[in-house]
Amino acid sequence: MSAYSSDQDLKVTDATGNGVEVDVATNLLNGTVRLSVLWTQEIYLHPDDAERVAQSLLRAAAHGWRIAEARGPEPDQSHSSSD
């Protein structure tokens, strides 16, 4: 079972018609957001599709914040313990 939950409302493919897809998913364990371009390294979007991807990322970010807040604060990892 994957820890990631994809945005099922996002159905965006490459503007050139080559079948490349975009996926936005939220990690249900820690709230991180994953943006994937499937089947290639780049994607060309029509402006309306780019806006849909942006809206999906905003939804995922809000979901991620809710998950992260529910988990509580992460330990401060900015200091190394090499004393």
N, C-alpha and C. Protein backbone atom coordinates (compact mmCIF):
# COMPACT_ATOMS: atom_id res chain seq x y z
N MET A 1 0.84 -1.19 0.00
CA MET A 1 0.00 0.00 0.00
C MET A 1 0.88 1.24 0.00
N SER A 2 0.56 2.17 -0.84
CA SER A 2 1.31 3.41 -0.94
C SER A 2 0.88 4.38 0.14
N ALA A 3 1.85 5.14 0.62
CA ALA A 3 1.54 6.19 1.60
C ALA A 3 1.00 7.43 0.92
N TYR A 4 1.05 7.48 -0.41
CA TYR A 4 0.63 8.65 -1.15
C TYR A 4 -0.79 8.51 -1.66
N SER A 5 -1.52 9.60 -1.59
CA SER A 5 -2.88 9.67 -2.10
C SER A 5 -2.92 10.70 -3.24
N SER A 6 -3.17 10.21 -4.45
CA SER A 6 -3.19 11.10 -5.62
C SER A 6 -4.49 11.90 -5.69
N ASP A 7 -4.41 13.06 -6.31
CA ASP A 7 -5.58 13.88 -6.57
C ASP A 7 -6.35 13.24 -7.72
N GLN A 8 -7.45 12.57 -7.40
CA GLN A 8 -8.23 11.84 -8.41
C GLN A 8 -8.96 12.77 -9.37
N ASP A 9 -9.12 14.05 -9.00
CA ASP A 9 -9.80 15.01 -9.87
C ASP A 9 -8.88 15.58 -10.93
N LEU A 10 -7.58 15.37 -10.80
CA LEU A 10 -6.61 15.93 -11.75
C LEU A 10 -6.39 14.95 -12.90
N LYS A 11 -6.84 15.32 -14.06
CA LYS A 11 -6.64 14.53 -15.28
C LYS A 11 -6.00 15.45 -16.32
N VAL A 12 -4.68 15.57 -16.26
CA VAL A 12 -3.95 16.49 -17.14
C VAL A 12 -2.91 15.70 -17.92
N THR A 13 -2.93 15.87 -19.25
CA THR A 13 -1.94 15.23 -20.12
C THR A 13 -1.24 16.29 -20.96
N ASP A 14 -0.14 15.90 -21.54
CA ASP A 14 0.71 16.78 -22.33
C ASP A 14 -0.05 17.40 -23.50
N ALA A 15 0.20 18.68 -23.75
CA ALA A 15 -0.46 19.42 -24.83
C ALA A 15 -0.07 18.91 -26.21
N THR A 16 1.05 18.21 -26.31
CA THR A 16 1.49 17.70 -27.62
C THR A 16 0.82 16.38 -27.97
N GLY A 17 0.06 15.81 -27.03
CA GLY A 17 -0.67 14.58 -27.31
C GLY A 17 0.15 13.31 -27.20
N ASN A 18 1.30 13.37 -26.52
CA ASN A 18 2.15 12.17 -26.43
C ASN A 18 1.82 11.28 -25.23
N GLY A 19 0.77 11.59 -24.48
CA GLY A 19 0.33 10.73 -23.39
C GLY A 19 1.00 10.96 -22.05
N VAL A 20 1.90 11.93 -21.96
CA VAL A 20 2.56 12.24 -20.69
C VAL A 20 1.50 12.80 -19.73
N GLU A 21 1.58 12.37 -18.48
CA GLU A 21 0.61 12.80 -17.48
C GLU A 21 1.29 13.47 -16.30
N VAL A 22 0.51 14.24 -15.55
CA VAL A 22 0.97 14.86 -14.33
C VAL A 22 0.20 14.25 -13.17
N ASP A 23 0.87 14.05 -12.03
CA ASP A 23 0.22 13.50 -10.84
C ASP A 23 0.63 14.34 -9.65
N VAL A 24 -0.35 14.72 -8.83
CA VAL A 24 -0.10 15.41 -7.57
C VAL A 24 -0.63 14.51 -6.47
N ALA A 25 0.21 14.22 -5.48
CA ALA A 25 -0.19 13.30 -4.40
C ALA A 25 0.32 13.83 -3.07
N THR A 26 -0.42 13.49 -2.01
CA THR A 26 -0.05 13.87 -0.65
C THR A 26 0.34 12.60 0.12
N ASN A 27 1.47 12.67 0.85
CA ASN A 27 1.88 11.56 1.69
C ASN A 27 1.01 11.58 2.94
N LEU A 28 0.25 10.51 3.15
CA LEU A 28 -0.70 10.45 4.26
C LEU A 28 -0.01 10.25 5.61
N LEU A 29 1.27 9.93 5.60
CA LEU A 29 2.00 9.74 6.85
C LEU A 29 2.63 11.01 7.38
N ASN A 30 3.16 11.85 6.46
CA ASN A 30 3.88 13.03 6.94
C ASN A 30 3.45 14.34 6.28
N GLY A 31 2.54 14.29 5.30
CA GLY A 31 2.01 15.51 4.70
C GLY A 31 2.80 16.08 3.55
N THR A 32 3.92 15.45 3.16
CA THR A 32 4.67 16.00 2.03
C THR A 32 3.86 15.83 0.74
N VAL A 33 4.13 16.71 -0.21
CA VAL A 33 3.41 16.72 -1.49
C VAL A 33 4.37 16.27 -2.58
N ARG A 34 3.90 15.35 -3.42
CA ARG A 34 4.71 14.84 -4.53
C ARG A 34 4.09 15.32 -5.85
N LEU A 35 4.91 15.92 -6.69
CA LEU A 35 4.50 16.30 -8.05
C LEU A 35 5.28 15.40 -8.99
N SER A 36 4.56 14.57 -9.77
CA SER A 36 5.21 13.64 -10.68
C SER A 36 4.81 13.95 -12.12
N VAL A 37 5.77 13.85 -13.01
CA VAL A 37 5.51 13.88 -14.44
C VAL A 37 5.76 12.45 -14.90
N LEU A 38 4.70 11.78 -15.31
CA LEU A 38 4.78 10.35 -15.62
C LEU A 38 5.18 10.12 -17.08
N TRP A 39 6.09 9.22 -17.27
CA TRP A 39 6.54 8.70 -18.57
C TRP A 39 7.60 9.56 -19.24
N THR A 40 8.02 10.67 -18.65
CA THR A 40 9.04 11.53 -19.26
C THR A 40 9.60 12.47 -18.21
N GLN A 41 10.47 13.38 -18.61
CA GLN A 41 11.06 14.34 -17.69
C GLN A 41 10.42 15.72 -17.79
N GLU A 42 9.57 15.94 -18.76
CA GLU A 42 8.95 17.26 -18.91
C GLU A 42 7.56 17.10 -19.50
N ILE A 43 6.78 18.15 -19.34
CA ILE A 43 5.42 18.15 -19.86
C ILE A 43 5.10 19.56 -20.34
N TYR A 44 4.35 19.64 -21.42
CA TYR A 44 3.90 20.92 -21.96
C TYR A 44 2.41 21.03 -21.69
N LEU A 45 2.01 22.12 -21.03
CA LEU A 45 0.62 22.28 -20.63
C LEU A 45 -0.03 23.47 -21.31
N HIS A 46 -1.30 23.30 -21.65
CA HIS A 46 -2.10 24.44 -22.06
C HIS A 46 -2.34 25.28 -20.81
N PRO A 47 -2.57 26.58 -20.95
CA PRO A 47 -2.76 27.44 -19.78
C PRO A 47 -3.85 26.94 -18.82
N ASP A 48 -4.97 26.44 -19.33
CA ASP A 48 -6.02 25.98 -18.42
C ASP A 48 -5.59 24.74 -17.66
N ASP A 49 -4.80 23.87 -18.27
CA ASP A 49 -4.28 22.70 -17.57
C ASP A 49 -3.23 23.10 -16.53
N ALA A 50 -2.41 24.09 -16.85
CA ALA A 50 -1.43 24.58 -15.88
C ALA A 50 -2.14 25.13 -14.65
N GLU A 51 -3.25 25.81 -14.86
CA GLU A 51 -4.02 26.33 -13.73
C GLU A 51 -4.61 25.17 -12.91
N ARG A 52 -5.07 24.12 -13.57
CA ARG A 52 -5.62 22.97 -12.85
C ARG A 52 -4.54 22.28 -12.01
N VAL A 53 -3.32 22.19 -12.53
CA VAL A 53 -2.21 21.61 -11.77
C VAL A 53 -1.91 22.49 -10.55
N ALA A 54 -1.89 23.80 -10.76
CA ALA A 54 -1.64 24.72 -9.65
C ALA A 54 -2.71 24.58 -8.56
N GLN A 55 -3.96 24.47 -8.95
CA GLN A 55 -5.04 24.29 -7.98
C GLN A 55 -4.90 22.97 -7.25
N SER A 56 -4.49 21.93 -7.95
CA SER A 56 -4.28 20.64 -7.32
C SER A 56 -3.15 20.71 -6.30
N LEU A 57 -2.08 21.41 -6.64
CA LEU A 57 -0.97 21.58 -5.70
C LEU A 57 -1.42 22.35 -4.46
N LEU A 58 -2.27 23.36 -4.64
CA LEU A 58 -2.78 24.10 -3.49
C LEU A 58 -3.64 23.21 -2.60
N ARG A 59 -4.48 22.37 -3.20
CA ARG A 59 -5.29 21.43 -2.40
C ARG A 59 -4.39 20.46 -1.64
N ALA A 60 -3.35 19.95 -2.33
CA ALA A 60 -2.44 19.01 -1.69
C ALA A 60 -1.66 19.68 -0.56
N ALA A 61 -1.26 20.92 -0.77
CA ALA A 61 -0.54 21.65 0.29
C ALA A 61 -1.42 21.82 1.53
N ALA A 62 -2.68 22.18 1.32
CA ALA A 62 -3.59 22.34 2.45
C ALA A 62 -3.79 21.00 3.17
N HIS A 63 -3.93 19.91 2.40
CA HIS A 63 -4.07 18.59 2.99
C HIS A 63 -2.80 18.22 3.76
N GLY A 64 -1.65 18.51 3.17
CA GLY A 64 -0.38 18.23 3.83
C GLY A 64 -0.22 18.98 5.13
N TRP A 65 -0.63 20.25 5.16
CA TRP A 65 -0.55 21.03 6.39
C TRP A 65 -1.42 20.42 7.48
N ARG A 66 -2.62 19.96 7.09
CA ARG A 66 -3.51 19.34 8.09
C ARG A 66 -2.88 18.08 8.67
N ILE A 67 -2.26 17.27 7.81
CA ILE A 67 -1.60 16.05 8.27
C ILE A 67 -0.43 16.38 9.19
N ALA A 68 0.39 17.34 8.77
CA ALA A 68 1.57 17.72 9.56
C ALA A 68 1.16 18.30 10.91
N GLU A 69 0.13 19.12 10.93
CA GLU A 69 -0.32 19.70 12.20
C GLU A 69 -0.87 18.63 13.13
N ALA A 70 -1.53 17.62 12.57
CA ALA A 70 -2.08 16.55 13.40
C ALA A 70 -0.96 15.70 14.02
N ARG A 71 0.15 15.60 13.34
CA ARG A 71 1.29 14.81 13.84
C ARG A 71 2.05 15.55 14.92
N GLY A 72 1.95 16.85 14.97
CA GLY A 72 2.70 17.63 15.94
C GLY A 72 4.02 18.09 15.37
N PRO A 73 4.77 18.87 16.14
CA PRO A 73 6.04 19.42 15.64
C PRO A 73 7.09 18.33 15.45
N GLU A 74 7.87 18.50 14.39
CA GLU A 74 9.00 17.60 14.12
C GLU A 74 10.17 18.01 15.01
N PRO A 75 10.99 17.06 15.41
CA PRO A 75 12.18 17.42 16.19
C PRO A 75 13.09 18.31 15.35
N ASP A 76 13.76 19.25 16.02
CA ASP A 76 14.68 20.16 15.32
C ASP A 76 15.89 19.38 14.85
N GLN A 77 16.06 19.28 13.53
CA GLN A 77 17.18 18.53 12.97
C GLN A 77 18.24 19.47 12.40
N SER A 78 18.18 20.75 12.77
CA SER A 78 19.14 21.71 12.24
C SER A 78 20.48 21.64 12.96
N HIS A 79 20.52 20.99 14.12
CA HIS A 79 21.76 20.87 14.90
C HIS A 79 22.27 19.45 14.79
N SER A 80 23.54 19.31 14.51
CA SER A 80 24.11 17.96 14.47
C SER A 80 24.59 17.57 15.86
N SER A 81 24.63 16.29 16.13
CA SER A 81 25.06 15.82 17.43
C SER A 81 26.48 15.26 17.33
N SER A 82 27.37 16.04 16.77
CA SER A 82 28.75 15.59 16.57
C SER A 82 29.66 16.16 17.65
N ASP A 83 29.10 16.41 18.84
CA ASP A 83 29.91 16.93 19.94
C ASP A 83 30.82 15.90 20.52
